[in-house]
Amino acid sequence: MLTGYWSIDAFLIANLILCLGVSVVFGYQQYTGGGALDDTSSKHSSKE
């Protein structure tokens, strides 16, 4: 592996996957012009 310690390698790989996942979701929200906060606020306002 990378460092020789499986626990450290698993931690680094998990961090990379997490960062990539957050970047993809953030980029998708910016590309679509909407966000989680905007979607939830619009849904709540429409139900009321």
C-alpha atoms as a PDB file:
ATOM      1  CA  MET A   1       0.000   0.000   0.000  1.00  0.00           C
ATOM      2  CA  LEU A   2       1.014   3.614   0.441  1.00  0.00           C
ATOM      3  CA  THR A   3       2.544   3.784   3.913  1.00  0.00           C
ATOM      4  CA  GLY A   4       2.749   0.146   4.985  1.00  0.00           C
ATOM      5  CA  TYR A   5       0.115   0.571   7.684  1.00  0.00           C
ATOM      6  CA  TRP A   6      -3.302  -0.638   6.513  1.00  0.00           C
ATOM      7  CA  SER A   7      -5.173   1.583   8.987  1.00  0.00           C
ATOM      8  CA  ILE A   8      -3.437   4.745   7.770  1.00  0.00           C
ATOM      9  CA  ASP A   9      -3.896   3.734   4.141  1.00  0.00           C
ATOM     10  CA  ALA A  10      -7.606   3.069   4.705  1.00  0.00           C
ATOM     11  CA  PHE A  11      -7.931   6.483   6.397  1.00  0.00           C
ATOM     12  CA  LEU A  12      -6.206   8.275   3.507  1.00  0.00           C
ATOM     13  CA  ILE A  13      -8.290   6.457   0.896  1.00  0.00           C
ATOM     14  CA  ALA A  14     -11.502   7.227   2.807  1.00  0.00           C
ATOM     15  CA  ASN A  15     -10.540  10.914   2.940  1.00  0.00           C
ATOM     16  CA  LEU A  16      -9.867  10.982  -0.802  1.00  0.00           C
ATOM     17  CA  ILE A  17     -13.227   9.357  -1.552  1.00  0.00           C
ATOM     18  CA  LEU A  18     -14.996  11.779   0.795  1.00  0.00           C
ATOM     19  CA  CYS A  19     -13.330  14.818  -0.766  1.00  0.00           C
ATOM     20  CA  LEU A  20     -14.119  13.605  -4.277  1.00  0.00           C
ATOM     21  CA  GLY A  21     -17.737  12.932  -3.332  1.00  0.00           C
ATOM     22  CA  VAL A  22     -18.188  16.374  -1.796  1.00  0.00           C
ATOM     23  CA  SER A  23     -16.543  18.027  -4.804  1.00  0.00           C
ATOM     24  CA  VAL A  24     -18.814  16.185  -7.245  1.00  0.00           C
ATOM     25  CA  VAL A  25     -21.978  17.069  -5.309  1.00  0.00           C
ATOM     26  CA  PHE A  26     -20.916  20.708  -4.876  1.00  0.00           C
ATOM     27  CA  GLY A  27     -20.020  21.012  -8.542  1.00  0.00           C
ATOM     28  CA  TYR A  28     -23.324  19.441  -9.578  1.00  0.00           C
ATOM     29  CA  GLN A  29     -25.308  21.861  -7.415  1.00  0.00           C
ATOM     30  CA  GLN A  30     -23.389  24.831  -8.810  1.00  0.00           C
ATOM     31  CA  TYR A  31     -23.898  23.551 -12.370  1.00  0.00           C
ATOM     32  CA  THR A  32     -27.651  23.099 -11.931  1.00  0.00           C
ATOM     33  CA  GLY A  33     -27.914  26.506 -10.239  1.00  0.00           C
ATOM     34  CA  GLY A  34     -29.627  25.067  -7.169  1.00  0.00           C
ATOM     35  CA  GLY A  35     -28.652  23.886  -3.733  1.00  0.00           C
ATOM     36  CA  ALA A  36     -29.949  21.704  -0.925  1.00  0.00           C
ATOM     37  CA  LEU A  37     -31.024  24.751   1.078  1.00  0.00           C
ATOM     38  CA  ASP A  38     -32.936  26.257  -1.835  1.00  0.00           C
ATOM     39  CA  ASP A  39     -34.685  22.963  -2.573  1.00  0.00           C
ATOM     40  CA  THR A  40     -35.781  22.353   1.015  1.00  0.00           C
ATOM     41  CA  SER A  41     -36.974  25.933   1.534  1.00  0.00           C
ATOM     42  CA  SER A  42     -39.038  25.835  -1.655  1.00  0.00           C
ATOM     43  CA  LYS A  43     -40.568  22.487  -0.686  1.00  0.00           C
ATOM     44  CA  HIS A  44     -41.527  23.727   2.773  1.00  0.00           C
ATOM     45  CA  SER A  45     -42.996  26.954   1.418  1.00  0.00           C
ATOM     46  CA  SER A  46     -45.087  25.056  -1.141  1.00  0.00           C
ATOM     47  CA  LYS A  47     -46.496  22.702   1.503  1.00  0.00           C
ATOM     48  CA  GLU A  48     -47.588  25.566   3.772  1.00  0.00           C
END
